[in-house]
Amino acid sequence: MEHKVEENGGTLVIAFSGDIDLQSSPDARKALLALVGKGAPILVDLSGVGYIDSSGVASLVECLQSSKKSGQQFLLVSVSEGALRVLQLARLDRVFKICATLDEGIAAVS
């Protein structure tokens, strides 16, 4: 798993690629939590994620909760089919705000 963080018009965009599983989820968690408290909305681009397991989902949930406490918006964007399937099975597609594209996500937090 790899990730890249960019700022886009006052919004923090973190894009993951590869699998987010038990081995890589601690790194994903650390990268996500590093963005919390910076004040800017956080968009998590999952277009490059082929597979995410429960540990990866737990990292997303933890960051969502932390960002809410700090008053930041937290959205998932461009969620891959595999990752979306896992979120739907856990019914977390109802918990996270999910936008189909990065542009929709940026518009949603503006």
Protein backbone atom coordinates (compact mmCIF):
# COMPACT_ATOMS: atom_id res chain seq x y z
CA MET A 1 0.00 0.00 0.00
CA GLU A 2 1.14 3.50 -0.82
CA HIS A 3 -0.39 6.89 -0.19
CA LYS A 4 0.02 10.43 -1.39
CA VAL A 5 -1.27 13.62 0.28
CA GLU A 6 -2.01 16.79 -1.65
CA GLU A 7 -3.75 20.04 -0.87
CA ASN A 8 -6.44 21.01 -3.35
CA GLY A 9 -8.08 24.37 -2.80
CA GLY A 10 -7.87 24.20 0.99
CA THR A 11 -8.89 20.54 1.09
CA LEU A 12 -6.53 17.73 2.09
CA VAL A 13 -6.69 14.81 -0.33
CA ILE A 14 -5.09 11.52 0.64
CA ALA A 15 -5.00 8.93 -2.13
CA PHE A 16 -4.29 5.30 -1.33
CA SER A 17 -3.18 2.63 -3.78
CA GLY A 18 -2.75 -1.09 -3.28
CA ASP A 19 -4.37 -3.22 -0.61
CA ILE A 20 -5.21 -1.92 2.86
CA ASP A 21 -5.00 -5.02 5.02
CA LEU A 22 -3.72 -6.15 8.40
CA GLN A 23 -0.13 -5.55 7.34
CA SER A 24 -0.61 -2.07 5.87
CA SER A 25 -3.51 -0.68 7.91
CA PRO A 26 -1.26 0.69 10.71
CA ASP A 27 0.50 2.84 8.11
CA ALA A 28 -2.84 3.92 6.63
CA ARG A 29 -4.13 4.78 10.12
CA LYS A 30 -1.03 6.84 10.88
CA ALA A 31 -1.29 8.72 7.57
CA LEU A 32 -4.99 9.45 8.09
CA LEU A 33 -4.66 10.58 11.70
CA ALA A 34 -1.78 12.90 10.73
CA LEU A 35 -4.35 14.96 8.79
CA VAL A 36 -6.78 15.28 11.69
CA GLY A 37 -6.51 18.57 13.54
CA LYS A 38 -5.21 20.51 10.56
CA GLY A 39 -8.61 22.17 10.13
CA ALA A 40 -9.06 21.43 6.44
CA PRO A 41 -11.63 18.97 5.09
CA ILE A 42 -10.21 15.50 4.41
CA LEU A 43 -11.01 13.58 1.23
CA VAL A 44 -9.89 9.96 1.09
CA ASP A 45 -9.42 8.76 -2.49
CA LEU A 46 -9.83 4.99 -2.63
CA SER A 47 -9.82 4.61 -6.42
CA GLY A 48 -6.49 2.76 -6.32
CA VAL A 49 -7.45 0.36 -3.53
CA GLY A 50 -8.13 -3.14 -4.79
CA TYR A 51 -8.91 -4.65 -1.39
CA ILE A 52 -9.60 -3.35 2.10
CA ASP A 53 -10.14 -5.59 5.13
CA SER A 54 -11.71 -4.94 8.52
CA SER A 55 -8.51 -3.45 9.92
CA GLY A 56 -8.42 -0.93 7.08
CA VAL A 57 -12.09 -0.12 7.57
CA ALA A 58 -11.43 0.35 11.30
CA SER A 59 -8.73 2.90 10.44
CA LEU A 60 -11.23 4.83 8.29
CA VAL A 61 -13.85 4.75 11.06
CA GLU A 62 -11.34 5.94 13.66
CA CYS A 63 -10.30 8.85 11.46
CA LEU A 64 -13.94 9.73 10.76
CA GLN A 65 -14.64 9.88 14.51
CA SER A 66 -11.48 11.90 15.20
CA SER A 67 -12.21 14.35 12.41
CA LYS A 68 -15.75 14.90 13.71
CA LYS A 69 -14.33 15.72 17.14
CA SER A 70 -12.00 18.30 15.60
CA GLY A 71 -14.75 19.76 13.40
CA GLN A 72 -13.32 18.57 10.09
CA GLN A 73 -15.30 17.15 7.22
CA PHE A 74 -14.26 13.62 6.21
CA LEU A 75 -15.40 12.13 2.90
CA LEU A 76 -14.54 9.11 0.81
CA VAL A 77 -14.17 9.73 -2.92
CA SER A 78 -13.74 7.58 -6.01
CA VAL A 79 -14.18 4.40 -3.97
CA SER A 80 -13.12 1.32 -5.94
CA GLU A 81 -15.66 -1.43 -6.52
CA GLY A 82 -13.87 -3.83 -4.15
CA ALA A 83 -13.63 -1.30 -1.32
CA LEU A 84 -17.23 -0.19 -1.82
CA ARG A 85 -18.42 -3.78 -1.58
CA VAL A 86 -16.74 -4.16 1.82
CA LEU A 87 -18.22 -0.87 3.05
CA GLN A 88 -21.68 -1.91 1.85
CA LEU A 89 -21.45 -5.31 3.55
CA ALA A 90 -20.65 -3.57 6.82
CA ARG A 91 -23.38 -0.98 6.08
CA LEU A 92 -20.75 1.72 6.44
CA ASP A 93 -21.79 3.23 3.13
CA ARG A 94 -24.54 4.78 5.27
CA VAL A 95 -22.04 6.14 7.81
CA PHE A 96 -19.48 7.69 5.47
CA LYS A 97 -20.30 10.43 3.02
CA ILE A 98 -19.16 8.97 -0.31
CA CYS A 99 -18.73 10.96 -3.51
CA ALA A 100 -18.29 9.35 -6.91
CA THR A 101 -15.43 11.63 -7.99
CA LEU A 102 -12.79 13.87 -6.47
CA ASP A 103 -14.44 16.91 -8.05
CA GLU A 104 -17.77 16.00 -6.40
CA GLY A 105 -15.98 15.64 -3.07
CA ILE A 106 -14.32 19.04 -3.40
CA ALA A 107 -17.66 20.61 -4.31
CA ALA A 108 -19.32 18.90 -1.33
CA VAL A 109 -16.91 20.43 1.18
CA SER A 110 -16.87 23.90 -0.40
